[in-house]
């Protein structure tokens, strides 16, 4: 088992140019080892293995008599062996040294200070590593949830389209199988925006990790239980979800609001400022697999459920009523249309994608897009009306959605079954795709190159800017769209919304 269930992009210019590194004191390390042993019970199990059942006096006597002759013969051989290899003094220097104590292991910051290292041919490699450790202003970070056998890791990649670079900068060991990743920049104790990622996993707890810290051992804080970080001094007043958290969406306008969907059928709106729940919604009857806040109107929340219901909820309403639509199959993904504020899309496990207008009660357009479930659904922020879908059948398809669904390109990718696909927020038509191919489970590609290679699409669509138009890199959505759009830059000041979202 080796696959990528979820990914999340970090915009350019957000990450620290030189991330911090965790340095534990011997006392902190000692406490961490003790807490780990208490949690896992390793120490007790080890001691139990060492204990032996006592023997009776008669058994001891029989064993002693039966082994006397053997011991006499072996003693002479052992003495000859010890004398030959000088074993009597072999361990004299280390008799009083604790070998397995991690805190006593001596290391040098620089290998040049170690007298036992005489060759320093790796200096060039060290300089290259130091260079790779620094993050440039035009670098994107790509956060990848990676599951391999029984281990779960969150890998933080550096991607630079201009330099054609993609590599793992650092990784974070996760306690459970990751199901959802959502980047956010809000921290309750910081005035300026930060660099964090919310993680939903098989547990009912949401973890918030700081991406600007390398070798971090625990999340910055958690939602759904008391935070382990003493500096925050915040307690969760609500237990939160009762089952796995499988969908997350951060409100980019009201930066202290995070929505989470769970396998327990509930949606919770969290106030990150206090670490508390503002509202719990229970209008779904199945697993809430998809969530997304409206890109223009901060109070509208779009959700999709395994019961086939798509819901639009107005968080300013005084009740839990929402407008709903019903489709066949389970909802896999939901997505607002970036170029039409009244429309949104959804995909199902039956391979269909649907276009819906909030003003209407009926579904506007539907198409059988894939042979299997559509697990990836996203729109480009820098190119008019371009929609991509990916599926468990291993294919990626590019659509023009100005009128209906017009297929521009279909690609069979070598990443196995595809679990997720996300457009980069500021790298043109670059997309990250996660699959289950053991040797190629992550792919980052620029689909503009694939579209340009397709001469038929170029000849047919290039003369019609409204159909498909390649946008120069760096051009924002509001520069190519005539209708009003929103700025994706978060507000500088923190916004309190407890009164607005509470009943």
Protein backbone atom coordinates (compact mmCIF):
# COMPACT_ATOMS: atom_id res chain seq x y z
CA UNK A 1 0.00 0.00 0.00
CA UNK A 2 1.54 3.27 -1.17
CA UNK A 3 -0.67 6.18 -2.20
CA UNK A 4 -1.46 9.90 -1.83
CA UNK A 5 -5.03 10.57 -0.57
CA UNK A 6 -4.83 14.38 -0.33
CA UNK A 7 -2.71 17.41 -1.28
CA UNK A 8 -2.77 21.15 -0.57
CA UNK A 9 -0.89 24.06 -2.19
CA UNK A 10 0.75 26.94 -0.33
CA UNK A 11 0.80 30.26 -2.25
CA UNK A 12 4.06 31.90 -3.21
CA UNK A 13 5.70 34.29 -0.78
CA UNK A 14 3.97 32.85 2.30
CA UNK A 15 6.57 30.46 3.73
CA UNK A 16 9.56 31.68 5.70
CA UNK A 17 12.69 31.95 3.58
CA UNK A 18 14.58 30.06 6.30
CA UNK A 19 12.26 27.79 8.31
CA UNK A 20 12.86 27.26 12.02
CA UNK A 21 14.27 24.02 13.36
CA UNK A 22 13.14 22.28 16.53
CA UNK A 23 15.93 21.81 19.08
CA UNK A 24 15.06 19.76 22.15
CA UNK A 25 16.91 20.13 25.44
CA UNK A 26 17.96 16.92 27.26
CA UNK A 27 15.15 17.46 29.74
CA UNK A 28 12.54 17.89 26.98
CA UNK A 29 13.87 14.80 25.23
CA UNK A 30 13.71 12.83 28.48
CA UNK A 31 10.10 13.90 29.06
CA UNK A 32 9.17 13.04 25.47
CA UNK A 33 10.65 9.53 25.78
CA UNK A 34 8.85 9.02 29.08
CA UNK A 35 5.51 10.17 27.66
CA UNK A 36 5.95 7.94 24.61
CA UNK A 37 6.67 4.94 26.83
CA UNK A 38 3.61 5.68 28.93
CA UNK A 39 1.42 5.96 25.83
CA UNK A 40 2.73 2.83 24.13
CA UNK A 41 3.50 0.72 27.19
CA UNK A 42 6.80 -0.36 25.62
CA UNK A 43 8.73 -0.14 28.88
CA UNK A 44 6.36 -2.42 30.76
CA UNK A 45 6.23 -4.96 27.94
CA UNK A 46 10.02 -5.00 27.78
CA UNK A 47 10.32 -5.57 31.50
CA UNK A 48 7.76 -8.34 31.34
CA UNK A 49 9.79 -10.11 28.69
CA UNK A 50 12.87 -10.00 30.89
CA UNK A 51 11.14 -11.52 33.88
CA UNK A 52 11.47 -15.28 34.31
CA UNK A 53 9.43 -17.64 36.38
CA UNK A 54 11.30 -18.78 39.54
CA UNK A 55 12.33 -22.43 39.71
CA UNK A 56 11.82 -24.73 42.64
CA UNK A 57 14.73 -25.90 44.80
CA UNK A 58 14.56 -29.45 43.41
CA UNK A 59 14.66 -28.16 39.84
CA UNK A 60 17.66 -26.00 40.67
CA UNK A 61 19.49 -28.98 42.19
CA UNK A 62 18.84 -31.22 39.19
CA UNK A 63 19.91 -28.52 36.77
CA UNK A 64 23.09 -27.90 38.78
CA UNK A 65 24.15 -31.54 38.86
CA UNK A 66 23.38 -32.14 35.21
CA UNK A 67 25.39 -29.15 34.08
CA UNK A 68 28.42 -29.55 36.35
CA UNK A 69 30.44 -31.67 33.92
CA UNK A 70 29.55 -29.47 30.96
CA UNK A 71 30.53 -26.34 32.85
CA UNK A 72 33.92 -27.84 33.76
CA UNK A 73 34.72 -28.62 30.13
CA UNK A 74 33.49 -25.30 28.86
CA UNK A 75 35.41 -23.26 31.44
CA UNK A 76 38.81 -24.21 30.04
CA UNK A 77 37.71 -23.43 26.48
CA UNK A 78 36.35 -20.06 27.54
CA UNK A 79 39.57 -19.14 29.34
CA UNK A 80 41.62 -19.99 26.24
CA UNK A 81 39.25 -18.00 24.04
CA UNK A 82 39.31 -14.92 26.32
CA UNK A 83 43.09 -15.01 26.58
CA UNK A 84 43.47 -15.30 22.81
CA UNK A 85 41.32 -12.27 22.03
CA UNK A 86 42.07 -10.27 25.19
CA UNK A 87 38.41 -10.13 26.13
CA UNK A 88 39.13 -9.42 29.81
CA UNK A 89 39.92 -5.79 29.01
CA UNK A 90 37.72 -5.38 25.96
CA UNK A 91 34.94 -3.47 27.71
CA UNK A 92 36.91 -1.69 30.41
CA UNK A 93 36.54 1.78 28.85
CA UNK A 94 32.81 1.50 28.40
CA UNK A 95 31.81 -0.23 31.64
CA UNK A 96 30.28 2.89 33.15
CA UNK A 97 28.84 4.41 29.95
CA UNK A 98 25.15 4.21 29.07
CA UNK A 99 25.13 3.31 25.40
CA UNK A 100 21.45 3.43 24.64
CA UNK A 101 20.70 6.85 26.16
CA UNK A 102 19.82 9.19 23.26
CA UNK A 103 20.65 12.29 25.28
CA UNK A 104 24.28 11.09 25.73
CA UNK A 105 25.01 10.68 22.03
CA UNK A 106 27.72 13.23 21.09
CA UNK A 107 27.53 14.98 17.73
CA UNK A 108 29.31 17.84 16.06
CA UNK A 109 27.52 20.70 14.36
CA UNK A 110 30.21 20.70 11.69
CA UNK A 111 31.98 17.53 10.55
CA UNK A 112 35.21 19.55 10.34
CA UNK A 113 35.25 19.61 14.13
CA UNK A 114 35.26 15.82 14.32
CA UNK A 115 38.88 14.61 14.46
CA UNK A 116 37.86 11.16 13.24
CA UNK A 117 36.58 12.51 9.94
CA UNK A 118 39.58 13.22 7.75
CA UNK A 119 37.87 13.49 4.37
CA UNK A 120 35.56 16.42 3.71
CA UNK A 121 34.50 15.72 0.15
CA UNK A 122 30.86 16.27 1.07
CA UNK A 123 31.24 20.01 1.54
CA UNK A 124 29.67 20.65 -1.84
CA UNK A 125 26.73 18.45 -0.90
CA UNK A 126 26.31 20.36 2.35
CA UNK A 127 26.26 23.66 0.50
CA UNK A 128 23.66 22.27 -1.89
CA UNK A 129 21.52 21.10 1.03
CA UNK A 130 21.74 24.52 2.67
CA UNK A 131 20.69 26.10 -0.62
CA UNK A 132 17.73 23.73 -0.96
CA UNK A 133 16.71 24.45 2.64
CA UNK A 134 16.10 28.11 1.79
CA UNK A 135 12.73 28.92 0.22
CA UNK A 136 12.57 31.53 -2.54
CA UNK A 137 9.85 34.12 -2.98
CA UNK A 138 8.74 32.44 -6.23
CA UNK A 139 8.59 28.95 -4.70
CA UNK A 140 5.32 27.17 -4.09
CA UNK A 141 5.04 24.67 -1.27
CA UNK A 142 3.03 21.53 -1.93
CA UNK A 143 1.78 19.63 1.12
CA UNK A 144 1.23 15.94 0.40
CA UNK A 145 -0.48 13.36 2.59
CA UNK A 146 1.42 10.13 1.94
CA UNK A 147 0.45 6.69 3.21
CA UNK A 148 2.92 3.82 2.90
CA UNK A 149 1.99 0.53 4.51
CA UNK A 150 1.20 1.35 8.16
CA UNK A 151 2.96 4.73 8.26
CA UNK A 152 1.44 8.12 7.47
CA UNK A 153 3.58 11.13 6.61
CA UNK A 154 2.88 14.70 5.54
CA UNK A 155 5.55 15.67 3.02
CA UNK A 156 6.27 19.33 2.28
CA UNK A 157 7.59 19.76 -1.27
CA UNK A 158 9.20 22.81 -2.83
CA UNK A 159 7.99 23.46 -6.37
CA UNK A 160 9.40 26.12 -8.68
CA UNK A 161 7.98 26.24 -12.17
CA UNK A 162 10.60 28.67 -13.49
CA UNK A 163 13.51 26.50 -12.32
CA UNK A 164 11.70 23.21 -13.02
CA UNK A 165 12.35 22.05 -9.45
CA UNK A 166 10.40 19.66 -7.23
CA UNK A 167 11.84 18.10 -4.07
CA UNK A 168 10.87 17.22 -0.49
CA UNK A 169 11.91 20.02 1.84
CA UNK A 170 10.86 18.30 5.07
CA UNK A 171 8.23 15.89 6.33
CA UNK A 172 6.03 15.44 9.38
CA UNK A 173 5.04 12.07 10.84
CA UNK A 174 1.29 11.87 11.34
CA UNK A 175 -0.40 9.74 14.00
CA UNK A 176 -3.17 8.57 11.69
CA UNK A 177 -4.17 8.12 8.06
CA UNK A 178 -4.70 11.61 6.50
CA UNK A 179 -8.02 12.21 4.75
CA UNK A 180 -8.08 15.98 4.17
CA UNK A 181 -5.56 18.84 4.02
CA UNK A 182 -6.41 22.54 4.05
CA UNK A 183 -3.90 25.39 4.05
CA UNK A 184 -4.62 28.46 6.19
CA UNK A 185 -2.70 31.49 7.42
CA UNK A 186 -4.49 32.26 10.69
CA UNK A 187 -3.03 31.85 14.18
CA UNK A 188 -4.83 33.19 17.27
CA UNK A 189 -1.66 34.57 18.88
CA UNK A 190 -0.14 36.21 15.82
CA UNK A 191 -1.05 39.53 14.20
CA UNK A 192 0.56 38.79 10.85
CA UNK A 193 -0.48 35.85 8.61
CA UNK A 194 1.39 32.58 9.12
CA UNK A 195 1.78 29.29 7.28
CA UNK A 196 -0.28 26.41 8.63
CA UNK A 197 -2.13 23.34 7.43
CA UNK A 198 -5.19 21.71 8.95
CA UNK A 199 -5.23 17.92 8.84
CA UNK A 200 -8.31 15.72 9.04
CA UNK A 201 -7.69 12.03 9.63
CA UNK A 202 -9.28 8.84 10.91
CA UNK A 203 -9.66 10.40 14.35
CA UNK A 204 -12.33 13.01 15.23
CA UNK A 205 -9.63 15.57 16.03
CA UNK A 206 -8.40 18.25 13.62
CA UNK A 207 -4.69 19.03 13.89
CA UNK A 208 -3.16 22.39 12.94
CA UNK A 209 0.52 22.11 11.99
CA UNK A 210 3.04 24.93 11.48
CA UNK A 211 4.72 24.47 8.08
CA UNK A 212 7.48 26.95 8.94
CA UNK A 213 8.98 24.62 11.56
CA UNK A 214 11.16 21.67 10.55
CA UNK A 215 11.37 18.48 12.63
CA UNK A 216 8.23 19.43 14.54
CA UNK A 217 6.94 16.61 16.75
CA UNK A 218 3.41 17.74 17.58
CA UNK A 219 0.75 20.03 16.10
CA UNK A 220 0.52 23.71 16.98
CA UNK A 221 -2.92 23.07 18.42
CA UNK A 222 -5.94 20.83 17.92
CA UNK A 223 -9.66 21.31 17.45
CA UNK A 224 -11.96 18.95 19.27
CA UNK A 225 -9.83 18.41 22.35
CA UNK A 226 -7.65 20.37 24.72
CA UNK A 227 -4.52 21.74 23.03
CA UNK A 228 -1.18 20.40 24.22
CA UNK A 229 0.44 23.75 23.62
CA UNK A 230 0.52 25.56 26.94
CA UNK A 231 1.21 28.92 25.33
CA UNK A 232 -2.21 29.05 23.69
CA UNK A 233 -4.14 28.47 26.95
CA UNK A 234 -7.28 27.59 25.03
CA UNK A 235 -9.75 24.85 25.84
CA UNK A 236 -12.25 23.36 23.49
CA UNK A 237 -15.75 23.78 24.88
CA UNK A 238 -17.19 21.22 22.46
CA UNK A 239 -16.04 17.68 21.95
CA UNK A 240 -16.41 18.16 18.23
CA UNK A 241 -16.85 15.28 15.83
CA UNK A 242 -17.45 11.70 16.87
CA UNK A 243 -15.89 10.07 13.82
CA UNK A 244 -13.21 10.66 11.17
CA UNK A 245 -12.81 14.17 9.70
CA UNK A 246 -12.89 13.71 5.91
CA UNK A 247 -13.36 17.25 4.54
CA UNK A 248 -12.06 20.71 5.45
CA UNK A 249 -12.51 24.23 4.09
CA UNK A 250 -10.97 27.47 5.35
CA UNK A 251 -12.83 30.76 4.91
CA UNK A 252 -10.38 33.13 3.17
CA UNK A 253 -12.51 36.18 3.98
CA UNK A 254 -13.25 35.44 7.62
CA UNK A 255 -9.84 34.03 8.39
CA UNK A 256 -10.59 32.59 11.80
CA UNK A 257 -13.35 30.31 10.46
CA UNK A 258 -12.72 26.68 9.47
CA UNK A 259 -15.46 24.25 8.39
CA UNK A 260 -15.08 20.51 8.85
CA UNK A 261 -17.16 17.59 7.60
CA UNK A 262 -17.15 14.18 9.22
CA UNK A 263 -18.14 10.58 8.78
CA UNK A 264 -20.58 11.18 11.65
CA UNK A 265 -22.75 13.22 9.17
CA UNK A 266 -22.10 16.54 10.92
CA UNK A 267 -20.51 19.83 9.82
CA UNK A 268 -18.82 22.01 12.41
CA UNK A 269 -17.87 25.67 12.03
CA UNK A 270 -14.80 26.34 14.15
CA UNK A 271 -13.58 29.65 15.53
CA UNK A 272 -9.79 29.39 15.33
CA UNK A 273 -9.39 32.40 17.58
CA UNK A 274 -10.78 30.52 20.58
CA UNK A 275 -10.51 26.93 19.38
CA UNK A 276 -14.25 26.49 19.90
CA UNK A 277 -17.24 25.44 17.84
CA UNK A 278 -19.53 28.22 16.64
CA UNK A 279 -22.18 25.96 15.14
CA UNK A 280 -22.81 22.28 14.47
CA UNK A 281 -24.95 21.39 11.45
CA UNK A 282 -26.76 18.05 11.20
CA UNK A 283 -28.82 18.25 8.02
CA UNK A 284 -26.88 15.45 6.24
CA UNK A 285 -27.57 11.75 6.76
CA UNK A 286 -24.33 10.30 5.35
CA UNK A 287 -20.61 11.04 5.35
CA UNK A 288 -19.82 14.66 4.49
CA UNK A 289 -17.10 14.06 1.90
CA UNK A 290 -16.77 17.57 0.43
CA UNK A 291 -16.91 21.18 1.64
CA UNK A 292 -16.10 24.56 0.13
CA UNK A 293 -16.76 28.16 1.13
CA UNK A 294 -18.08 30.50 -1.54
CA UNK A 295 -15.20 32.43 -3.17
CA UNK A 296 -17.13 35.74 -3.22
CA UNK A 297 -19.76 35.59 -0.46
CA UNK A 298 -18.25 34.56 2.85
CA UNK A 299 -21.47 33.23 4.43
CA UNK A 300 -22.32 30.49 1.89
CA UNK A 301 -21.01 26.98 2.51
CA UNK A 302 -21.32 24.24 -0.13
CA UNK A 303 -21.33 20.61 1.01
CA UNK A 304 -21.65 17.16 -0.54
CA UNK A 305 -22.60 13.91 1.12
CA UNK A 306 -22.63 10.18 0.44
CA UNK A 307 -26.42 10.28 0.53
CA UNK A 308 -26.33 12.07 -2.85
CA UNK A 309 -27.35 15.46 -1.46
CA UNK A 310 -25.60 18.73 -2.33
CA UNK A 311 -26.39 21.56 0.05
CA UNK A 312 -25.84 25.32 0.12
CA UNK A 313 -26.09 26.69 3.64
CA UNK A 314 -26.31 30.36 4.62
CA UNK A 315 -24.36 30.68 7.85
CA UNK A 316 -26.08 33.96 8.70
CA UNK A 317 -29.48 32.26 8.80
CA UNK A 318 -31.11 31.68 12.17
CA UNK A 319 -31.89 28.04 11.43
CA UNK A 320 -30.23 25.02 9.90
CA UNK A 321 -32.33 24.98 6.76
CA UNK A 322 -30.38 24.79 3.51
CA UNK A 323 -31.14 24.57 -0.17
CA UNK A 324 -30.47 21.07 -1.48
CA UNK A 325 -30.25 19.12 -4.73
CA UNK A 326 -30.32 15.34 -5.15
CA UNK A 327 -28.25 13.27 -7.61
CA UNK A 328 -27.62 9.56 -8.09
CA UNK A 329 -24.62 8.09 -6.32
CA UNK A 330 -22.33 9.44 -3.63
CA UNK A 331 -20.90 12.96 -3.83
CA UNK A 332 -17.11 12.89 -4.13
CA UNK A 333 -16.24 16.58 -4.68
CA UNK A 334 -17.97 19.98 -4.77
CA UNK A 335 -16.63 23.15 -6.39
CA UNK A 336 -17.83 26.73 -6.82
CA UNK A 337 -17.57 28.24 -10.31
CA UNK A 338 -14.92 30.96 -10.11
CA UNK A 339 -16.41 32.77 -13.11
CA UNK A 340 -20.10 32.60 -12.20
CA UNK A 341 -20.94 33.25 -8.56
CA UNK A 342 -24.35 31.54 -8.78
CA UNK A 343 -23.08 28.22 -10.15
CA UNK A 344 -21.23 25.25 -8.72
CA UNK A 345 -20.20 21.73 -9.72
CA UNK A 346 -20.25 18.34 -8.06
CA UNK A 347 -18.88 14.92 -8.97
CA UNK A 348 -20.03 11.44 -7.99
CA UNK A 349 -18.70 7.94 -7.52
CA UNK A 350 -20.62 6.90 -10.66
CA UNK A 351 -18.37 9.00 -12.89
CA UNK A 352 -20.76 11.93 -13.43
CA UNK A 353 -20.17 15.67 -13.05
CA UNK A 354 -23.09 18.07 -12.64
CA UNK A 355 -23.44 21.82 -13.08
CA UNK A 356 -26.02 23.53 -10.87
CA UNK A 357 -27.37 27.07 -10.66
CA UNK A 358 -28.44 28.20 -7.18
CA UNK A 359 -31.46 30.02 -8.63
CA UNK A 360 -32.87 26.80 -10.06
CA UNK A 361 -34.21 23.70 -8.39
CA UNK A 362 -33.18 21.43 -11.25
CA UNK A 363 -29.68 20.40 -12.31
CA UNK A 364 -28.47 22.53 -15.21
CA UNK A 365 -26.03 20.17 -17.01
CA UNK A 366 -24.80 16.61 -16.42
CA UNK A 367 -22.30 14.43 -18.22
CA UNK A 368 -20.77 11.00 -17.79
CA UNK A 369 -17.16 12.15 -17.51
CA UNK A 370 -15.36 8.97 -16.38
CA UNK A 371 -15.91 5.26 -16.11
CA UNK A 372 -15.26 5.30 -12.36
CA UNK A 373 -15.66 7.74 -9.48
CA UNK A 374 -14.57 11.36 -10.11
CA UNK A 375 -12.25 12.04 -7.17
CA UNK A 376 -10.62 15.21 -8.49
CA UNK A 377 -12.52 18.39 -9.44
CA UNK A 378 -10.90 21.81 -9.71
CA UNK A 379 -10.88 25.07 -11.68
CA UNK A 380 -7.96 27.17 -12.84
CA UNK A 381 -7.76 30.62 -11.26
CA UNK A 382 -5.73 31.98 -14.17
CA UNK A 383 -7.56 30.68 -17.21
CA UNK A 384 -11.18 31.31 -18.20
CA UNK A 385 -13.65 28.45 -17.81
CA UNK A 386 -11.10 25.62 -17.55
CA UNK A 387 -12.22 22.68 -15.40
CA UNK A 388 -10.25 19.49 -14.73
CA UNK A 389 -11.55 16.15 -13.53
CA UNK A 390 -9.62 13.08 -12.42
CA UNK A 391 -10.88 9.63 -11.63
CA UNK A 392 -10.15 6.28 -10.09
CA UNK A 393 -9.89 5.05 -13.67
CA UNK A 394 -6.50 6.80 -13.84
CA UNK A 395 -7.43 9.51 -16.34
CA UNK A 396 -7.32 13.30 -16.27
CA UNK A 397 -9.71 15.32 -18.44
CA UNK A 398 -9.72 19.02 -19.26
CA UNK A 399 -13.06 20.70 -19.95
CA UNK A 400 -14.29 24.02 -21.25
CA UNK A 401 -17.40 24.88 -19.24
CA UNK A 402 -18.52 28.19 -20.76
CA UNK A 403 -21.78 26.75 -22.07
CA UNK A 404 -21.90 23.04 -21.29
CA UNK A 405 -19.08 20.51 -20.83
CA UNK A 406 -16.74 20.52 -23.84
CA UNK A 407 -13.86 18.07 -23.64
CA UNK A 408 -10.51 19.64 -24.57
CA UNK A 409 -8.08 16.91 -23.59
CA UNK A 410 -8.04 13.43 -22.07
CA UNK A 411 -4.84 12.02 -20.58
CA UNK A 412 -4.10 8.57 -19.21
CA UNK A 413 -1.68 9.13 -16.37
CA UNK A 414 0.69 6.55 -14.94
CA UNK A 415 -0.11 7.22 -11.29
CA UNK A 416 -2.61 4.40 -10.80
CA UNK A 417 -6.04 5.20 -9.43
CA UNK A 418 -6.25 8.94 -8.76
CA UNK A 419 -7.43 10.08 -5.33
CA UNK A 420 -6.93 13.83 -5.57
CA UNK A 421 -6.03 16.67 -7.95
CA UNK A 422 -5.52 20.37 -7.16
CA UNK A 423 -4.54 23.38 -9.27
CA UNK A 424 -1.69 25.56 -8.06
CA UNK A 425 -3.04 28.94 -6.91
CA UNK A 426 -0.38 30.97 -8.74
CA UNK A 427 1.55 28.79 -11.19
CA UNK A 428 -0.63 28.91 -14.28
CA UNK A 429 -2.19 25.57 -15.23
CA UNK A 430 0.07 23.53 -12.96
CA UNK A 431 -1.72 20.72 -11.19
CA UNK A 432 -0.74 18.23 -8.47
CA UNK A 433 -2.15 14.71 -8.72
CA UNK A 434 -2.05 11.93 -6.12
CA UNK A 435 -2.52 8.25 -6.95
CA UNK A 436 -1.70 4.74 -5.75
CA UNK A 437 1.07 3.70 -8.14
CA UNK A 438 3.75 2.43 -5.75
CA UNK A 439 6.59 3.84 -7.86
CA UNK A 440 4.84 7.00 -9.08
CA UNK A 441 2.20 8.11 -6.60
CA UNK A 442 2.64 11.90 -7.06
CA UNK A 443 2.70 13.89 -10.29
CA UNK A 444 3.02 17.65 -10.81
CA UNK A 445 2.40 18.76 -14.36
CA UNK A 446 1.53 21.82 -16.47
CA UNK A 447 -1.52 20.89 -18.52
CA UNK A 448 -1.06 24.01 -20.67
CA UNK A 449 1.81 22.19 -22.37
CA UNK A 450 -0.48 19.23 -23.08
CA UNK A 451 -3.16 21.50 -24.48
CA UNK A 452 -0.67 23.32 -26.69
CA UNK A 453 0.57 19.99 -28.02
CA UNK A 454 -2.94 19.18 -29.19
CA UNK A 455 -3.08 21.03 -32.52
CA UNK A 456 -6.76 20.38 -33.02
CA UNK A 457 -7.64 22.11 -29.77
CA UNK A 458 -5.33 25.00 -30.55
CA UNK A 459 -6.79 25.56 -34.04
CA UNK A 460 -10.35 25.25 -32.82
CA UNK A 461 -10.19 27.22 -29.60
CA UNK A 462 -7.32 29.73 -29.83
CA UNK A 463 -9.28 32.01 -32.16
CA UNK A 464 -12.09 32.16 -29.59
CA UNK A 465 -10.77 33.77 -26.38
CA UNK A 466 -14.04 33.11 -24.62
CA UNK A 467 -13.63 29.38 -25.28
CA UNK A 468 -10.03 28.84 -24.33
CA UNK A 469 -7.27 31.32 -23.92
CA UNK A 470 -3.83 30.68 -22.53
CA UNK A 471 -3.04 33.35 -19.99
CA UNK A 472 0.43 34.74 -19.48
CA UNK A 473 1.96 33.47 -16.24
CA UNK A 474 1.41 35.85 -13.34
CA UNK A 475 -1.86 37.29 -14.69
CA UNK A 476 -4.53 37.25 -12.01
CA UNK A 477 -8.16 36.22 -12.46
CA UNK A 478 -9.49 39.75 -12.05
CA UNK A 479 -7.29 40.89 -14.93
CA UNK A 480 -8.84 38.46 -17.41
CA UNK A 481 -12.43 38.37 -16.23
CA UNK A 482 -14.87 41.22 -16.86
CA UNK A 483 -17.13 40.37 -13.96
CA UNK A 484 -16.28 41.35 -10.36
CA UNK A 485 -13.95 38.97 -8.60
CA UNK A 486 -12.50 38.85 -5.15
CA UNK A 487 -8.97 39.30 -3.90
CA UNK A 488 -7.50 36.13 -2.47
CA UNK A 489 -5.21 38.13 -0.18
CA UNK A 490 -6.48 37.67 3.39
CA UNK A 491 -7.45 40.73 5.44
CA UNK A 492 -4.68 42.21 7.53
CA UNK A 493 -6.79 42.45 10.65
CA UNK A 494 -8.36 39.58 12.51
CA UNK A 495 -12.15 39.38 12.25
CA UNK A 496 -14.39 38.26 15.05
CA UNK A 497 -17.44 36.45 13.70
CA UNK A 498 -18.85 34.62 16.68
CA UNK A 499 -21.87 36.89 16.79
CA UNK A 500 -22.40 36.70 13.03
CA UNK A 501 -22.40 32.91 12.84
CA UNK A 502 -24.04 32.11 16.14
CA UNK A 503 -27.76 31.74 16.43
